[in-house]
Protein backbone atom coordinates (compact mmCIF):
# COMPACT_ATOMS: atom_id res chain seq x y z
CA MET A 1 20.06 50.92 12.61
CA THR A 2 18.68 47.49 12.45
CA ILE A 3 15.40 46.92 14.29
CA VAL A 4 17.32 44.52 16.93
CA ALA A 5 19.72 47.13 17.85
CA HIS A 6 16.89 49.70 18.24
CA ILE A 7 14.65 47.59 20.46
CA GLY A 8 18.03 47.25 22.55
CA GLY A 9 18.42 50.70 22.61
CA LEU A 10 14.62 51.41 23.91
CA VAL A 11 15.24 48.72 26.60
CA ARG A 12 18.48 50.56 27.91
CA SER A 13 16.62 53.76 28.16
CA ARG A 14 14.33 54.87 30.53
CA PHE A 15 11.03 54.00 29.39
CA SER A 16 9.12 56.86 28.59
CA ALA A 17 5.31 56.52 27.21
CA GLY A 18 6.63 57.20 23.65
CA ALA A 19 9.39 54.91 23.81
CA ALA A 20 6.91 51.98 25.09
CA ALA A 21 4.75 52.81 22.58
CA GLY A 22 7.49 52.70 20.03
CA LEU A 23 8.63 49.18 21.40
CA PHE A 24 5.14 47.84 20.95
CA VAL A 25 4.91 48.76 17.59
CA LEU A 26 8.27 47.53 16.85
CA LEU A 27 7.40 43.99 18.64
CA SER A 28 4.18 43.92 16.70
CA TYR A 29 6.09 44.42 13.39
CA CYS A 30 8.17 41.46 14.36
CA LEU A 31 5.68 39.20 15.13
CA SER A 32 3.80 39.95 12.03
CA ALA A 33 6.71 39.54 9.83
CA ALA A 34 7.67 36.15 11.42
CA ALA A 35 4.49 34.52 9.57
CA PRO A 36 4.84 34.50 5.76
CA ALA A 37 2.09 36.17 3.59
CA GLY A 38 -0.69 33.90 3.33
CA ALA A 39 0.43 31.27 5.95
CA PRO A 40 -3.04 29.48 6.84
CA ASP A 41 -4.48 29.08 10.13
CA ILE A 42 -4.78 25.65 11.32
CA ALA A 43 -6.53 24.74 14.25
CA ILE A 44 -5.78 21.35 16.01
CA LEU A 45 -8.35 20.00 18.05
CA LEU A 46 -7.34 17.03 20.65
CA SER A 47 -9.61 14.39 22.15
CA SER A 48 -7.09 14.35 25.00
CA ASP A 49 -3.42 15.56 26.00
CA ILE A 50 -1.63 12.11 25.63
CA ASP A 51 2.03 11.33 24.37
CA ALA A 52 0.57 8.96 21.30
CA TYR A 53 -1.35 12.15 20.27
CA ARG A 54 1.51 14.91 20.66
CA ASP A 55 3.68 12.52 18.79
CA ALA A 56 1.35 12.48 15.88
CA VAL A 57 0.67 16.28 16.03
CA ALA A 58 4.55 16.84 16.12
CA GLY A 59 4.79 14.69 12.90
CA PHE A 60 1.97 16.58 11.39
CA LYS A 61 3.59 20.07 11.74
CA ALA A 62 6.68 18.91 10.25
CA ALA A 63 5.32 17.81 7.17
CA GLY A 64 2.45 20.27 7.00
CA PRO A 65 1.60 23.29 5.08
CA GLY A 66 4.54 25.39 5.52
CA GLY A 67 4.52 28.18 7.48
CA ALA A 68 1.30 27.45 9.11
CA ILE A 69 -0.07 29.22 12.30
CA TYR A 70 -1.53 26.58 14.65
CA SER A 71 -3.92 26.91 17.40
CA GLU A 72 -4.25 24.10 19.57
CA TYR A 73 -7.74 22.97 21.56
CA ASP A 74 -8.17 20.22 24.07
CA LEU A 75 -11.50 18.72 24.65
CA GLN A 76 -10.27 16.49 27.60
CA GLY A 77 -12.17 13.35 26.56
CA ASP A 78 -15.51 15.12 26.89
CA VAL A 79 -17.30 15.42 23.50
CA GLU A 80 -19.83 18.41 24.59
CA LEU A 81 -16.53 20.42 25.62
CA GLY A 82 -15.04 19.60 22.01
CA ARG A 83 -18.67 20.86 20.09
CA THR A 84 -18.11 23.87 22.16
CA LEU A 85 -14.43 24.47 20.83
CA ALA A 86 -15.46 23.26 17.34
CA ARG A 87 -17.92 25.92 17.08
CA LYS A 88 -15.25 28.30 18.42
CA ILE A 89 -13.07 27.35 15.76
CA ARG A 90 -15.90 27.40 13.43
CA ALA A 91 -16.20 31.29 13.88
CA SER A 92 -12.18 31.83 13.65
CA ASP A 93 -9.95 32.12 10.50
CA ALA A 94 -9.05 28.98 10.16
CA ALA A 95 -8.28 27.32 6.93
CA LEU A 96 -8.29 23.89 8.18
CA VAL A 97 -9.30 21.62 11.30
CA VAL A 98 -7.14 18.85 12.53
CA ALA A 99 -9.09 16.55 14.78
CA VAL A 100 -7.03 14.28 16.59
CA GLY A 101 -8.75 11.23 17.95
CA LEU A 102 -12.20 9.58 17.53
CA LYS A 103 -13.87 12.55 20.29
CA ALA A 104 -12.59 15.40 18.51
CA ALA A 105 -13.39 14.25 15.03
CA LEU A 106 -16.81 13.55 15.55
CA ALA A 107 -17.30 17.05 17.63
CA ALA A 108 -15.61 18.83 14.52
CA LYS A 109 -18.05 16.83 11.99
CA LEU A 110 -21.28 18.09 13.85
CA GLU A 111 -20.12 21.63 14.22
CA ILE A 112 -18.25 22.36 11.44
CA GLY A 113 -19.52 21.62 7.93
CA ASP A 114 -17.91 24.47 5.39
CA THR A 115 -13.96 24.05 6.49
CA PRO A 116 -11.91 21.01 5.50
CA ILE A 117 -11.11 19.06 8.20
CA VAL A 118 -8.62 16.20 8.26
CA TYR A 119 -8.36 13.35 11.33
CA MET A 120 -5.78 11.22 12.06
CA MET A 121 -5.27 8.49 15.33
CA ILE A 122 -8.88 6.70 14.94
CA LEU A 123 -9.04 3.15 14.51
CA ASP A 124 -11.63 2.32 11.33
CA PRO A 125 -12.78 6.07 10.83
CA LEU A 126 -15.61 4.94 8.47
CA LYS A 127 -17.02 2.48 11.05
CA HIS A 128 -17.77 6.26 12.85
CA HIS A 129 -19.11 7.56 9.63
CA LEU A 130 -16.45 9.92 9.37
CA ASN A 131 -17.04 10.62 5.45
CA ALA A 132 -18.88 14.46 5.36
CA PRO A 133 -17.59 15.75 2.59
CA ASN A 134 -15.50 18.39 3.92
CA MET A 135 -13.39 15.46 5.66
CA ALA A 136 -10.64 13.46 4.93
CA GLY A 137 -8.07 11.49 6.90
CA THR A 138 -5.67 8.91 7.44
CA MET A 139 -5.84 5.08 8.76
CA LEU A 140 -3.96 3.99 11.82
CA GLU A 141 -3.96 0.51 10.77
CA VAL A 142 -1.95 -1.27 8.37
CA PRO A 143 -4.02 -2.33 5.48
CA MET A 144 -4.69 -6.33 5.30
CA ASP A 145 -3.06 -6.83 1.96
CA ARG A 146 0.13 -5.19 3.10
CA GLN A 147 0.17 -7.19 6.37
CA LEU A 148 -0.57 -10.69 4.75
CA LYS A 149 1.84 -10.00 2.14
CA LEU A 150 4.64 -8.92 4.83
CA ILE A 151 3.57 -12.09 7.09
CA LYS A 152 4.40 -14.04 4.26
CA THR A 153 7.71 -12.51 3.58
CA PHE A 154 9.04 -13.29 6.92
CA LEU A 155 7.37 -16.48 7.29
CA PRO A 156 7.42 -18.27 3.75
CA GLY A 157 6.87 -21.74 4.98
CA ALA A 158 3.51 -20.77 6.82
CA ARG A 159 0.37 -21.79 5.15
CA ARG A 160 -2.22 -21.56 7.50
CA LEU A 161 -2.74 -18.36 9.30
CA GLY A 162 -4.86 -18.39 12.62
CA VAL A 163 -7.08 -15.84 13.94
CA LEU A 164 -9.29 -15.46 17.06
CA TYR A 165 -12.20 -13.32 16.66
CA ASP A 166 -15.49 -11.81 18.22
CA PRO A 167 -17.92 -11.97 15.39
CA LYS A 168 -19.75 -8.94 17.02
CA LYS A 169 -16.61 -6.71 16.44
CA SER A 170 -14.35 -7.98 13.80
CA ALA A 171 -16.57 -9.77 11.39
CA ALA A 172 -15.92 -7.32 8.67
CA LYS A 173 -12.15 -7.38 9.34
CA ILE A 174 -12.20 -11.41 9.30
CA LYS A 175 -14.16 -11.11 5.52
CA GLU A 176 -12.06 -8.55 4.27
CA ALA A 177 -8.62 -10.58 5.29
CA GLU A 178 -10.39 -13.71 3.83
CA GLN A 179 -10.70 -12.08 0.65
CA GLN A 180 -6.88 -10.91 0.39
CA ALA A 181 -5.51 -14.44 2.37
CA ALA A 182 -5.61 -16.09 -0.85
CA THR A 183 -3.44 -13.42 -2.86
CA ALA A 184 -0.85 -13.78 -0.45
CA GLY A 185 -0.67 -17.64 -0.39
CA LEU A 186 -2.56 -18.15 2.93
CA GLU A 187 -5.46 -19.91 4.13
CA LEU A 188 -7.32 -17.95 7.16
CA LYS A 189 -8.48 -20.27 9.85
CA ARG A 190 -11.36 -18.57 11.56
CA PHE A 191 -11.55 -19.23 15.68
CA ALA A 192 -14.86 -17.10 16.87
CA VAL A 193 -14.60 -16.13 20.60
CA GLU A 194 -17.77 -14.49 22.28
CA SER A 195 -16.52 -13.99 25.51
CA ASP A 196 -13.12 -13.91 27.09
CA ARG A 197 -13.97 -17.17 28.46
CA ASP A 198 -13.70 -18.86 25.20
CA VAL A 199 -10.10 -18.04 24.60
CA PRO A 200 -8.39 -20.75 26.29
CA SER A 201 -10.41 -23.37 24.31
CA GLN A 202 -10.25 -21.52 21.21
CA LEU A 203 -6.86 -20.98 21.26
CA ARG A 204 -6.16 -24.87 21.67
CA ALA A 205 -8.03 -25.48 18.46
CA LEU A 206 -6.14 -22.70 16.92
CA ILE A 207 -2.59 -24.25 17.39
CA VAL A 208 -3.41 -27.69 16.33
CA ALA A 209 -4.95 -26.30 12.99
CA SER A 210 -2.30 -23.22 12.34
CA ASP A 211 1.10 -22.56 11.38
CA ALA A 212 0.96 -19.01 13.04
CA LEU A 213 -1.26 -16.92 15.26
CA TRP A 214 -2.40 -13.38 13.96
CA LEU A 215 -3.46 -11.16 16.58
CA LEU A 216 -6.20 -8.11 15.25
CA PRO A 217 -7.09 -5.39 17.66
CA ASP A 218 -10.17 -7.34 19.34
CA SER A 219 -10.88 -6.13 22.77
CA THR A 220 -12.76 -9.59 23.66
CA VAL A 221 -10.00 -11.24 22.56
CA LEU A 222 -6.84 -9.10 24.01
CA ASN A 223 -7.25 -7.58 27.39
CA ASN A 224 -4.78 -7.41 30.46
CA ASP A 225 -5.06 -11.12 31.47
CA SER A 226 -5.01 -12.69 27.86
CA VAL A 227 -2.09 -11.08 26.21
CA ASN A 228 0.56 -13.09 28.22
CA PHE A 229 -1.51 -16.40 28.25
CA LEU A 230 -1.58 -16.28 24.47
CA LEU A 231 2.05 -15.54 24.01
CA GLN A 232 2.93 -18.13 26.56
CA SER A 233 0.75 -20.85 25.22
CA THR A 234 1.86 -20.23 21.55
CA LEU A 235 5.60 -20.08 22.50
CA ALA A 236 5.27 -23.57 24.62
CA GLN A 237 3.52 -24.73 20.90
CA HIS A 238 6.49 -23.36 18.73
CA LEU A 239 3.74 -21.59 16.97
CA PRO A 240 4.88 -17.96 15.97
CA VAL A 241 2.71 -15.04 16.71
CA ILE A 242 2.30 -11.68 14.29
CA GLY A 243 1.09 -8.54 16.56
CA PHE A 244 0.12 -5.10 15.63
CA SER A 245 2.19 -3.18 17.84
CA PRO A 246 6.02 -3.37 18.76
CA GLU A 247 4.70 -4.10 22.28
CA PHE A 248 3.79 -7.43 21.53
CA THR A 249 6.90 -7.88 19.90
CA ARG A 250 8.98 -6.93 23.06
CA LEU A 251 6.69 -9.48 25.00
CA GLY A 252 7.73 -12.44 23.06
CA ALA A 253 5.85 -12.14 19.83
CA LEU A 254 7.74 -13.13 16.71
CA LEU A 255 7.10 -10.04 14.29
CA GLY A 256 5.26 -6.68 14.86
CA ILE A 257 3.61 -4.89 12.20
CA SER A 258 2.44 -1.41 12.89
CA VAL A 259 2.57 2.50 12.09
CA SER A 260 4.38 4.97 14.26
CA TYR A 261 2.12 7.70 15.29
CA GLY A 262 4.81 10.47 13.97
CA GLU A 263 4.21 8.63 10.51
CA VAL A 264 0.53 8.99 10.91
CA GLY A 265 0.75 12.43 11.62
CA ARG A 266 3.57 12.97 8.64
CA GLU A 267 1.03 11.53 6.21
CA THR A 268 -1.70 13.73 7.36
CA GLY A 269 0.05 16.66 7.15
CA GLN A 270 1.02 15.63 3.50
CA LEU A 271 -2.68 15.26 3.33
CA ALA A 272 -3.32 18.55 4.41
CA ARG A 273 -1.03 20.03 1.89
CA ARG A 274 -2.57 18.71 -0.91
CA LEU A 275 -6.23 19.69 0.23
CA LEU A 276 -4.94 23.42 0.83
CA ASN A 277 -3.26 23.76 -2.43
CA GLY A 278 -7.10 23.10 -4.16
CA ASP A 279 -6.28 19.37 -4.36
CA ARG A 280 -10.00 18.25 -4.61
CA PRO A 281 -12.36 16.43 -3.98
CA HIS A 282 -11.38 14.76 -0.60
CA PRO A 283 -10.36 11.35 -0.48
CA GLN A 284 -13.75 9.39 0.35
CA LYS A 285 -11.61 6.57 2.09
CA PRO A 286 -8.90 7.03 4.89
CA VAL A 287 -5.40 7.22 3.02
CA PRO A 288 -2.70 4.61 4.47
CA VAL A 289 0.46 5.34 5.71
CA GLU A 290 3.04 4.43 3.62
CA ARG A 291 6.26 3.77 5.91
CA LEU A 292 5.45 0.93 8.35
CA LYS A 293 7.13 0.01 11.46
CA ILE A 294 8.29 -3.62 11.78
CA SER A 295 9.72 -5.27 14.95
CA VAL A 296 11.36 -8.85 15.22
CA ASN A 297 11.82 -10.65 18.45
CA LEU A 298 15.31 -12.15 17.80
CA LYS A 299 15.36 -14.23 20.94
CA THR A 300 12.02 -15.78 19.89
CA ALA A 301 13.40 -16.39 16.50
CA ARG A 302 16.40 -18.38 17.79
CA PHE A 303 13.96 -20.24 19.85
CA LEU A 304 11.53 -21.18 16.98
CA GLY A 305 14.70 -22.26 15.05
CA LEU A 306 14.06 -19.41 12.44
CA SER A 307 16.29 -16.63 11.33
CA VAL A 308 16.01 -13.44 9.24
CA PRO A 309 17.47 -13.45 6.25
CA PRO A 310 19.85 -10.79 5.18
CA GLU A 311 17.68 -9.18 2.47
CA LEU A 312 14.84 -8.62 4.88
CA GLN A 313 16.96 -7.24 7.57
CA PRO A 314 16.78 -3.67 6.06
CA LEU A 315 12.99 -3.77 6.58
CA ILE A 316 13.48 -3.89 10.24
CA ASP A 317 12.97 -1.08 12.48
CA GLU A 318 13.45 -2.68 15.72
CA THR A 319 14.57 -5.84 17.14
CA TYR A 320 14.50 -7.22 20.65
């Protein structure tokens, strides 16, 4: 008689104490048999329970260590709660910790010193010193050199690439971009804004001096009010815009270069596999996501008198 048939017989019978005990033993056996021997325990510490993080976690589980047993902890945006949860994880049998979001990564770094930690869904992780000996992770942004090469690929006639930035927030990114631009055949034209009040005047100067506007994730430049203004003003002057999210493309930017949250999770899952398989030492820098997400607004392209060559169409993931 199979285990399933035997359990069915017990369920149909009138439960005696012995039958109930037998059912408990059999169920325990089935549950333990479902997890392969040696399957790693992996703790997932979430900064909060939002869709973007859930997409990344789903990607991680799809590509992560086979047969892993997952436990999830939500710090609900509270770093102190995160530290309490991290101490709980430290006392568990977790073979690896996945920190999703900055607050989770900071809590894990403060409380967990021996167990390997992989982080994901964090902008500029090195800025936040997420480089402890037991930490590794993935980039949420597309590397500068790949962005610039793709911009040149889709806009081969562009020579001068304009960018608005706040020196207090984005000086390091601008310096890196300047170093990479010449290799891609581009000249970076910088326009500093110290507050959102500077955006209109600096945008006017940029439009005159540039062949395209490249948007960077800078909160001084980009807010709820400025995004539509930037896109409408540049479109009126027939200046293409390159964004870092499909949402900018949907709103009218010509091109978007980004990574999907699921791909971030999958890349982090592959990194976790390598670490648990004994790949040492931990990468000192965050690992870039290989597969990018490219979006194109075809209506904007037609308005600007541009077309997408057939050889580039396989690179495009979304069109608007």
